[in-house]
């Protein structure tokens, strides 16, 4: 833990997660309500669409302009963590930074200029962190459930059977990769084969979606009833059919989307539907949880072990 943040141990325990994705960079700050139970209150959530994947998946590198913006953003996030008396934090970078040739160099520069230490995590760790955050949601549930987290650069899946983790897998298939035509056909084939194999061993799979796009999709499907965290695969097919025929500008106007959501939402729906169709799922459940929440759960567990 950073020495600066160690000074706040005597106050309320507050954790921060920085999730550096291929489309957006998020800061999530949560406060521990009680030291006896891991229940958190969300204090702050910020999302800035740096769109690192558009550089990486087309050129293999992060541009100088986006590197400068990353430094500016990390300085801002660090100041916010100071303001909110953050006790501990973790900054994790995923698919775009994994693929960027100059990723390690940029991470060293950011730490030197801002003090923020960034870890590049692999797809398997990303999947595990998302799964760990879903444990509470799955207590007492019988049956086969597949968690599908769709990001800008990769898709993570976790299969659980009667509450037990069966497998975690990661695929270089993401919304920004698709927009950049950077997904290899062999990766689609690997995803398809894996899903077919899993269905044979674990029939009747239910899907649980994660990520900003699926949260937006369920709101578009259910409208005022979006408080209910389930939609049919058929309703998503119908919405996808409408969205893919529209331009980005039309989606922005018709559905009040921001530009950085209006372009990625169609490939996101395509990924979810590809998995849903192969697994023959009827519904997609959408609890509001993601990688940043998993990072904070991991921080809590680590600090409990330290005593």
Protein backbone atom coordinates (compact mmCIF):
# COMPACT_ATOMS: atom_id res chain seq x y z
CA UNK A 1 0.00 0.00 0.00
CA UNK A 2 1.16 3.54 -0.76
CA UNK A 3 2.68 5.27 2.28
CA UNK A 4 0.56 8.34 1.65
CA UNK A 5 -2.66 6.39 1.97
CA UNK A 6 -1.43 4.53 5.07
CA UNK A 7 -1.98 7.73 7.08
CA UNK A 8 -5.73 7.26 6.80
CA UNK A 9 -5.97 3.88 8.54
CA UNK A 10 -7.40 5.39 11.72
CA UNK A 11 -10.36 6.94 9.88
CA UNK A 12 -13.20 5.09 8.12
CA UNK A 13 -11.84 2.40 5.83
CA UNK A 14 -12.24 3.57 2.24
CA UNK A 15 -11.01 1.67 -0.80
CA UNK A 16 -10.50 2.78 -4.39
CA UNK A 17 -10.29 0.82 -7.64
CA UNK A 18 -8.98 2.13 -10.94
CA UNK A 19 -10.05 -0.01 -13.89
CA UNK A 20 -8.11 0.89 -17.05
CA UNK A 21 -10.10 -0.71 -19.84
CA UNK A 22 -9.89 -0.61 -23.61
CA UNK A 23 -12.78 1.83 -23.90
CA UNK A 24 -12.94 3.71 -20.60
CA UNK A 25 -11.00 4.28 -17.38
CA UNK A 26 -13.05 4.09 -14.19
CA UNK A 27 -12.46 5.22 -10.62
CA UNK A 28 -14.64 3.57 -7.99
CA UNK A 29 -14.44 4.57 -4.33
CA UNK A 30 -16.29 2.61 -1.65
CA UNK A 31 -16.43 2.93 2.13
CA UNK A 32 -16.62 -0.06 4.45
CA UNK A 33 -19.79 0.28 6.52
CA UNK A 34 -18.78 -2.15 9.24
CA UNK A 35 -15.43 -3.84 10.01
CA UNK A 36 -17.35 -7.00 11.02
CA UNK A 37 -18.94 -7.55 7.58
CA UNK A 38 -17.71 -6.76 4.05
CA UNK A 39 -20.58 -4.42 3.15
CA UNK A 40 -19.66 -1.28 1.23
CA UNK A 41 -21.31 2.00 0.35
CA UNK A 42 -20.42 3.52 -3.01
CA UNK A 43 -18.92 6.96 -2.50
CA UNK A 44 -17.85 7.90 -6.02
CA UNK A 45 -17.87 6.42 -9.52
CA UNK A 46 -16.26 8.21 -12.45
CA UNK A 47 -15.88 6.99 -16.03
CA UNK A 48 -13.66 8.72 -18.60
CA UNK A 49 -13.67 7.35 -22.18
CA UNK A 50 -9.95 7.42 -23.02
CA UNK A 51 -10.53 4.72 -25.67
CA UNK A 52 -7.03 3.24 -25.50
CA UNK A 53 -8.09 0.26 -27.58
CA UNK A 54 -8.63 2.34 -30.70
CA UNK A 55 -4.89 3.05 -30.72
CA UNK A 56 -3.69 -0.36 -29.63
CA UNK A 57 -5.86 -2.57 -31.83
CA UNK A 58 -5.00 -0.61 -34.96
CA UNK A 59 -1.32 0.35 -34.42
CA UNK A 60 -0.15 -1.86 -31.56
CA UNK A 61 0.80 1.15 -29.44
CA UNK A 62 -0.74 3.87 -27.29
CA UNK A 63 -0.32 7.27 -28.90
CA UNK A 64 1.60 10.12 -27.30
CA UNK A 65 -1.61 12.14 -26.97
CA UNK A 66 -3.41 9.38 -25.09
CA UNK A 67 -0.38 8.77 -22.90
CA UNK A 68 -0.49 12.45 -21.88
CA UNK A 69 -4.20 12.17 -21.17
CA UNK A 70 -3.60 9.06 -19.06
CA UNK A 71 -1.07 10.98 -16.97
CA UNK A 72 -3.53 13.86 -16.53
CA UNK A 73 -6.30 11.47 -15.55
CA UNK A 74 -4.17 9.55 -13.03
CA UNK A 75 -3.20 12.87 -11.40
CA UNK A 76 -6.88 13.76 -11.13
CA UNK A 77 -7.80 10.34 -9.72
CA UNK A 78 -4.97 10.55 -7.20
CA UNK A 79 -6.22 13.92 -5.97
CA UNK A 80 -9.74 12.53 -5.64
CA UNK A 81 -8.43 9.61 -3.59
CA UNK A 82 -6.74 12.14 -1.30
CA UNK A 83 -9.96 14.12 -0.93
CA UNK A 84 -11.92 10.99 -0.03
CA UNK A 85 -9.26 9.76 2.44
CA UNK A 86 -8.70 6.49 0.60
CA UNK A 87 -7.08 3.86 2.83
CA UNK A 88 -5.90 1.56 0.05
CA UNK A 89 -6.22 1.34 -3.71
CA UNK A 90 -5.38 -0.84 -6.68
CA UNK A 91 -5.09 0.19 -10.31
CA UNK A 92 -5.50 -2.56 -12.90
CA UNK A 93 -5.10 -2.38 -16.67
CA UNK A 94 -6.67 -4.96 -18.93
CA UNK A 95 -6.73 -5.92 -22.60
CA UNK A 96 -5.51 -2.76 -24.38
CA UNK A 97 -2.54 -2.29 -22.05
CA UNK A 98 -1.78 -6.01 -22.28
CA UNK A 99 -1.43 -5.68 -26.04
CA UNK A 100 0.30 -2.28 -26.20
CA UNK A 101 3.97 -2.56 -27.12
CA UNK A 102 4.71 0.57 -25.08
CA UNK A 103 2.40 -0.39 -22.19
CA UNK A 104 5.13 -1.16 -19.61
CA UNK A 105 6.99 2.02 -20.56
CA UNK A 106 3.85 4.12 -20.06
CA UNK A 107 3.12 2.49 -16.72
CA UNK A 108 6.61 3.37 -15.46
CA UNK A 109 6.16 6.97 -16.64
CA UNK A 110 2.77 7.25 -14.92
CA UNK A 111 4.14 5.99 -11.61
CA UNK A 112 7.05 8.44 -11.81
CA UNK A 113 4.81 11.43 -12.63
CA UNK A 114 1.74 10.65 -10.52
CA UNK A 115 2.69 8.07 -7.91
CA UNK A 116 -0.06 5.72 -9.14
CA UNK A 117 1.14 2.14 -9.55
CA UNK A 118 -0.65 0.29 -12.34
CA UNK A 119 -0.69 -3.49 -12.73
CA UNK A 120 -1.35 -5.13 -16.07
CA UNK A 121 -3.46 -8.18 -15.24
CA UNK A 122 -3.97 -11.14 -17.54
CA UNK A 123 -7.34 -12.36 -18.74
CA UNK A 124 -7.53 -15.19 -16.23
CA UNK A 125 -7.00 -12.88 -13.25
CA UNK A 126 -9.54 -10.45 -14.68
CA UNK A 127 -12.07 -13.28 -14.93
CA UNK A 128 -11.32 -14.45 -11.37
CA UNK A 129 -11.79 -10.97 -9.93
CA UNK A 130 -15.15 -10.60 -11.66
CA UNK A 131 -16.18 -14.05 -10.41
CA UNK A 132 -15.11 -13.30 -6.83
CA UNK A 133 -17.34 -10.23 -6.84
CA UNK A 134 -20.32 -12.34 -7.88
CA UNK A 135 -20.06 -14.89 -5.05
CA UNK A 136 -22.60 -13.09 -2.85
CA UNK A 137 -25.03 -12.84 -5.76
CA UNK A 138 -24.83 -16.61 -6.27
CA UNK A 139 -25.33 -17.85 -2.69
CA UNK A 140 -27.82 -20.71 -2.58
CA UNK A 141 -28.37 -20.79 -6.34
CA UNK A 142 -28.66 -24.21 -7.94
CA UNK A 143 -28.06 -24.87 -11.62
CA UNK A 144 -25.52 -23.82 -14.23
CA UNK A 145 -24.66 -20.14 -14.58
CA UNK A 146 -22.19 -18.51 -16.93
CA UNK A 147 -20.90 -15.02 -16.11
CA UNK A 148 -20.08 -13.10 -19.26
CA UNK A 149 -18.13 -9.84 -18.91
CA UNK A 150 -17.75 -8.00 -22.23
CA UNK A 151 -15.10 -5.31 -22.39
CA UNK A 152 -13.50 -3.24 -25.10
CA UNK A 153 -10.63 -5.64 -25.67
CA UNK A 154 -11.67 -8.99 -24.24
CA UNK A 155 -14.53 -11.13 -23.00
CA UNK A 156 -14.21 -13.03 -19.72
CA UNK A 157 -16.42 -15.97 -18.82
CA UNK A 158 -16.84 -17.87 -15.54
CA UNK A 159 -18.97 -21.02 -15.41
CA UNK A 160 -20.51 -22.04 -12.09
CA UNK A 161 -22.45 -25.21 -11.37
CA UNK A 162 -24.50 -25.29 -8.15
CA UNK A 163 -22.46 -22.39 -6.84
CA UNK A 164 -19.06 -23.96 -7.57
CA UNK A 165 -16.63 -22.44 -10.07
CA UNK A 166 -16.03 -24.85 -12.95
CA UNK A 167 -13.81 -22.77 -15.23
CA UNK A 168 -12.64 -19.23 -16.04
CA UNK A 169 -11.66 -18.28 -19.57
CA UNK A 170 -10.68 -15.17 -21.47
CA UNK A 171 -11.05 -14.38 -25.18
CA UNK A 172 -9.52 -11.56 -27.21
CA UNK A 173 -12.97 -10.58 -28.43
CA UNK A 174 -14.15 -7.14 -27.37
CA UNK A 175 -16.23 -4.24 -28.61
CA UNK A 176 -13.32 -1.98 -29.57
CA UNK A 177 -11.47 -4.89 -31.20
CA UNK A 178 -14.53 -5.62 -33.32
CA UNK A 179 -14.87 -1.98 -34.38
CA UNK A 180 -11.20 -2.04 -35.38
CA UNK A 181 -11.68 -5.38 -37.22
CA UNK A 182 -8.93 -6.78 -35.00
CA UNK A 183 -10.61 -10.00 -33.81
CA UNK A 184 -9.05 -13.09 -35.35
CA UNK A 185 -11.43 -15.62 -36.84
CA UNK A 186 -9.60 -18.32 -34.88
CA UNK A 187 -10.63 -16.56 -31.64
CA UNK A 188 -14.31 -16.64 -32.62
CA UNK A 189 -13.86 -20.33 -33.43
CA UNK A 190 -12.20 -20.99 -30.06
CA UNK A 191 -15.07 -19.25 -28.27
CA UNK A 192 -17.66 -21.24 -30.24
CA UNK A 193 -15.97 -24.59 -29.61
CA UNK A 194 -15.53 -23.90 -25.89
CA UNK A 195 -19.18 -22.90 -25.49
CA UNK A 196 -20.39 -26.01 -27.33
CA UNK A 197 -18.18 -28.25 -25.17
CA UNK A 198 -19.41 -26.62 -21.95
CA UNK A 199 -23.06 -27.00 -22.95
CA UNK A 200 -22.59 -30.73 -23.43
CA UNK A 201 -21.29 -31.11 -19.87
CA UNK A 202 -23.46 -28.43 -18.25
CA UNK A 203 -26.85 -28.21 -19.97
CA UNK A 204 -29.43 -25.54 -19.18
CA UNK A 205 -26.93 -22.72 -18.75
CA UNK A 206 -28.24 -19.34 -17.60
CA UNK A 207 -26.26 -16.24 -18.57
CA UNK A 208 -25.32 -13.42 -16.20
CA UNK A 209 -24.04 -10.32 -17.99
CA UNK A 210 -21.52 -7.80 -16.73
CA UNK A 211 -20.24 -4.50 -18.09
CA UNK A 212 -21.57 -1.08 -19.01
CA UNK A 213 -23.02 -2.19 -22.33
CA UNK A 214 -25.27 -4.92 -20.98
CA UNK A 215 -26.53 -2.55 -18.29
CA UNK A 216 -27.47 -0.08 -21.02
CA UNK A 217 -29.03 -2.81 -23.17
CA UNK A 218 -31.33 -4.03 -20.40
CA UNK A 219 -32.48 -0.45 -19.77
CA UNK A 220 -33.32 -0.10 -23.46
CA UNK A 221 -35.20 -3.41 -23.44
CA UNK A 222 -37.10 -2.97 -20.19
CA UNK A 223 -37.51 0.80 -20.06
CA UNK A 224 -39.13 1.84 -16.77
CA UNK A 225 -38.94 -1.77 -15.57
CA UNK A 226 -35.13 -1.81 -15.78
CA UNK A 227 -35.00 -2.30 -11.99
CA UNK A 228 -35.71 -5.96 -12.81
CA UNK A 229 -32.38 -7.60 -13.58
CA UNK A 230 -33.45 -10.03 -16.30
CA UNK A 231 -34.24 -9.83 -19.99
CA UNK A 232 -35.04 -12.46 -22.59
CA UNK A 233 -32.50 -13.33 -25.25
CA UNK A 234 -35.28 -12.88 -27.81
CA UNK A 235 -35.85 -9.27 -26.70
CA UNK A 236 -32.12 -8.60 -27.03
CA UNK A 237 -32.16 -10.08 -30.54
CA UNK A 238 -34.98 -7.71 -31.49
CA UNK A 239 -33.15 -4.69 -30.06
CA UNK A 240 -29.89 -5.72 -31.74
CA UNK A 241 -31.69 -5.93 -35.08
CA UNK A 242 -32.83 -2.32 -34.69
CA UNK A 243 -29.52 -0.95 -33.40
CA UNK A 244 -27.31 -2.47 -36.07
CA UNK A 245 -29.38 -0.86 -38.83
CA UNK A 246 -28.88 2.59 -37.30
CA UNK A 247 -25.92 4.94 -37.57
CA UNK A 248 -24.03 5.97 -34.45
CA UNK A 249 -25.67 9.39 -34.66
CA UNK A 250 -29.14 7.84 -34.92
CA UNK A 251 -28.49 5.69 -31.83
CA UNK A 252 -27.32 8.76 -29.93
CA UNK A 253 -30.49 10.66 -30.83
CA UNK A 254 -33.00 7.83 -30.52
CA UNK A 255 -31.69 6.30 -27.30
CA UNK A 256 -29.92 9.26 -25.64
CA UNK A 257 -26.51 7.55 -25.79
CA UNK A 258 -23.12 9.16 -25.51
CA UNK A 259 -20.85 8.73 -28.56
CA UNK A 260 -18.54 6.28 -26.78
CA UNK A 261 -21.52 4.07 -25.92
CA UNK A 262 -23.39 4.38 -29.21
CA UNK A 263 -20.60 2.79 -31.26
CA UNK A 264 -19.64 -0.11 -28.96
CA UNK A 265 -23.14 -1.20 -27.94
CA UNK A 266 -23.78 -3.10 -31.19
CA UNK A 267 -20.66 -5.30 -31.04
CA UNK A 268 -21.37 -5.85 -27.33
CA UNK A 269 -24.86 -7.15 -28.12
CA UNK A 270 -23.36 -9.34 -30.85
CA UNK A 271 -20.96 -10.98 -28.36
CA UNK A 272 -23.67 -11.63 -25.77
CA UNK A 273 -26.02 -13.04 -28.40
CA UNK A 274 -23.32 -15.25 -29.90
CA UNK A 275 -22.77 -16.87 -26.50
CA UNK A 276 -26.50 -16.98 -25.69
CA UNK A 277 -27.36 -18.70 -28.97
CA UNK A 278 -24.65 -21.35 -28.63
CA UNK A 279 -25.55 -22.09 -25.01
CA UNK A 280 -29.28 -21.96 -25.87
CA UNK A 281 -29.90 -19.60 -22.96
CA UNK A 282 -33.37 -18.04 -22.69
CA UNK A 283 -32.54 -15.18 -20.33
CA UNK A 284 -29.67 -12.88 -19.41
CA UNK A 285 -29.51 -11.71 -15.80
CA UNK A 286 -27.81 -8.35 -15.23
CA UNK A 287 -26.64 -7.54 -11.67
CA UNK A 288 -24.83 -4.19 -11.49
CA UNK A 289 -21.33 -5.44 -10.70
CA UNK A 290 -18.00 -5.37 -12.50
CA UNK A 291 -14.22 -5.50 -12.38
CA UNK A 292 -13.82 -2.39 -10.20
CA UNK A 293 -16.07 -3.96 -7.56
CA UNK A 294 -13.96 -7.11 -7.73
CA UNK A 295 -10.78 -5.08 -7.20
CA UNK A 296 -12.22 -3.53 -4.03
CA UNK A 297 -13.35 -6.92 -2.71
CA UNK A 298 -9.78 -8.13 -3.25
CA UNK A 299 -8.36 -5.15 -1.35
CA UNK A 300 -10.67 -5.87 1.58
CA UNK A 301 -9.69 -9.56 1.63
CA UNK A 302 -5.98 -8.69 1.46
CA UNK A 303 -6.20 -6.25 4.35
CA UNK A 304 -8.22 -8.69 6.47
CA UNK A 305 -5.47 -11.30 6.00
CA UNK A 306 -2.88 -8.74 7.11
CA UNK A 307 -4.92 -8.10 10.21
